[in-house]
Each structure stands twice: as C-alpha cells, then as structure tokens.
C-alpha atoms as a PDB file:
ATOM      1  CA  MET A   1      -0.307  -0.109  -0.425  1.00  0.00           C
ATOM      2  CA  ALA A   2       1.762   2.990  -0.406  1.00  0.00           C
ATOM      3  CA  HIS A   3      -1.246   6.006   0.512  1.00  0.00           C
ATOM      4  CA  SER A   4       0.327   8.158   2.562  1.00  0.00           C
ATOM      5  CA  GLU A   5      -2.106   6.994   5.287  1.00  0.00           C
ATOM      6  CA  HIS A   6      -0.708   3.343   6.042  1.00  0.00           C
ATOM      7  CA  ASN A   7       2.549   5.668   6.520  1.00  0.00           C
ATOM      8  CA  LYS A   8       1.948   7.396   8.928  1.00  0.00           C
ATOM      9  CA  PRO A   9       1.946   6.417  13.174  1.00  0.00           C
ATOM     10  CA  LYS A  10      -0.523   4.623  14.890  1.00  0.00           C
ATOM     11  CA  LYS A  11      -1.768   7.274  17.584  1.00  0.00           C
ATOM     12  CA  SER A  12      -2.108   5.497  20.615  1.00  0.00           C
ATOM     13  CA  SER A  13      -4.336   5.770  23.859  1.00  0.00           C
ATOM     14  CA  GLY A  14      -1.216   5.250  26.000  1.00  0.00           C
ATOM     15  CA  PHE A  15      -0.606   9.183  26.918  1.00  0.00           C
ATOM     16  CA  PHE A  16      -4.481   9.167  27.562  1.00  0.00           C
ATOM     17  CA  LEU A  17      -3.913   5.785  29.741  1.00  0.00           C
ATOM     18  CA  ILE A  18      -0.935   7.167  31.731  1.00  0.00           C
ATOM     19  CA  ILE A  19      -2.496  10.352  32.607  1.00  0.00           C
ATOM     20  CA  PHE A  20      -5.752   9.061  33.287  1.00  0.00           C
ATOM     21  CA  GLY A  21      -4.459   6.730  36.255  1.00  0.00           C
ATOM     22  CA  ALA A  22      -1.874   9.788  37.341  1.00  0.00           C
ATOM     23  CA  LEU A  23      -5.036  11.313  38.256  1.00  0.00           C
ATOM     24  CA  LEU A  24      -6.972   7.953  39.478  1.00  0.00           C
ATOM     25  CA  PHE A  25      -3.647   7.718  42.014  1.00  0.00           C
ATOM     26  CA  ILE A  26      -3.290  11.235  42.740  1.00  0.00           C
ATOM     27  CA  ILE A  27      -7.386  11.328  43.206  1.00  0.00           C
ATOM     28  CA  ALA A  28      -8.758   7.847  44.922  1.00  0.00           C
ATOM     29  CA  PRO A  29      -7.798   9.084  48.261  1.00  0.00           C
ATOM     30  CA  THR A  30      -9.605  12.144  48.699  1.00  0.00           C
ATOM     31  CA  TRP A  31     -12.487  10.405  47.209  1.00  0.00           C
ATOM     32  CA  PHE A  32     -12.471   7.257  49.234  1.00  0.00           C
ATOM     33  CA  SER A  33     -11.072   8.213  52.819  1.00  0.00           C
ATOM     34  CA  LYS A  34     -14.728   6.684  54.096  1.00  0.00           C
ATOM     35  CA  GLN A  35     -13.879   2.991  52.107  1.00  0.00           C
ATOM     36  CA  PRO A  36     -10.193   2.720  52.922  1.00  0.00           C
ATOM     37  CA  GLU A  37     -10.307  -0.471  50.976  1.00  0.00           C
ATOM     38  CA  ILE A  38     -11.850   0.731  48.305  1.00  0.00           C
ATOM     39  CA  GLY A  39     -10.017   3.818  48.175  1.00  0.00           C
ATOM     40  CA  LEU A  40      -6.608   1.160  48.378  1.00  0.00           C
ATOM     41  CA  VAL A  41      -8.244  -0.562  44.898  1.00  0.00           C
ATOM     42  CA  ALA A  42      -8.249   2.218  43.491  1.00  0.00           C
ATOM     43  CA  ILE A  43      -5.180   3.277  44.126  1.00  0.00           C
ATOM     44  CA  VAL A  44      -3.405   0.088  42.792  1.00  0.00           C
ATOM     45  CA  LEU A  45      -5.971   0.396  39.385  1.00  0.00           C
ATOM     46  CA  GLY A  46      -3.912   4.174  39.106  1.00  0.00           C
ATOM     47  CA  PHE A  47      -0.502   3.028  39.403  1.00  0.00           C
ATOM     48  CA  VAL A  48      -1.997  -0.074  36.720  1.00  0.00           C
ATOM     49  CA  VAL A  49      -3.533   1.830  34.422  1.00  0.00           C
ATOM     50  CA  GLY A  50      -0.295   4.032  34.335  1.00  0.00           C
ATOM     51  CA  GLY A  51       1.441   1.445  33.521  1.00  0.00           C
ATOM     52  CA  ILE A  52      -0.252  -0.380  31.412  1.00  0.00           C
ATOM     53  CA  GLY A  53      -0.030   3.290  29.414  1.00  0.00           C
ATOM     54  CA  PHE A  54       3.664   3.795  30.130  1.00  0.00           C
ATOM     55  CA  TYR A  55       3.852   0.575  28.445  1.00  0.00           C
ATOM     56  CA  ILE A  56       2.594   1.111  25.264  1.00  0.00           C
ATOM     57  CA  ARG A  57       3.434   5.274  24.998  1.00  0.00           C
ATOM     58  CA  PHE A  58       7.475   4.043  25.479  1.00  0.00           C
ATOM     59  CA  ILE A  59       8.001   0.877  25.673  1.00  0.00           C
ATOM     60  CA  ARG A  60       6.282  -0.829  22.188  1.00  0.00           C
ATOM     61  CA  LYS A  61       7.482   1.824  20.403  1.00  0.00           C
ATOM     62  CA  GLN A  62      11.540   0.794  21.577  1.00  0.00           C
ATOM     63  CA  LYS A  63      10.684  -2.436  20.936  1.00  0.00           C
ATOM     64  CA  TYR A  64       9.266  -2.282  17.519  1.00  0.00           C
ATOM     65  CA  SER A  65      11.916   0.771  16.349  1.00  0.00           C
ATOM     66  CA  SER A  66      14.368  -1.393  16.949  1.00  0.00           C
END
C-alpha cells in the first residue's frame, strides 16, 4: 500500500492512560476516605493503568523500532 494513510504512525492511547492512571492514583484517597479498602483498590488500579499506558507509549515503541 503506497497511500499516505498507511505510512502514518498509529496514534496510541498510551498518553491518555498515563494521565488517567495518575489522576486516579492521586484523587482516589480523597474520594474514598471513608472506605479505605476501595481507596486502596483505586490507588492500585491507577498505578496499573498508568503502567500500561507507559508501556504502550514508550516501551512498545522502542521494541518495534529496533
């Protein structure tokens, strides 16, 4: 395929996942201050989502470019 759309780099949602994970990681303790179990789960979920976004944005790009 010689089309210009085929040669464009794909836009990933990695940056969005990093931002969403960071917001969830920071805001969760104040939202769930009366329910510490749910707050802890939300903090861990924010860390995991941010980690997945970091992998998609930076690590996977380096792996395929080499």
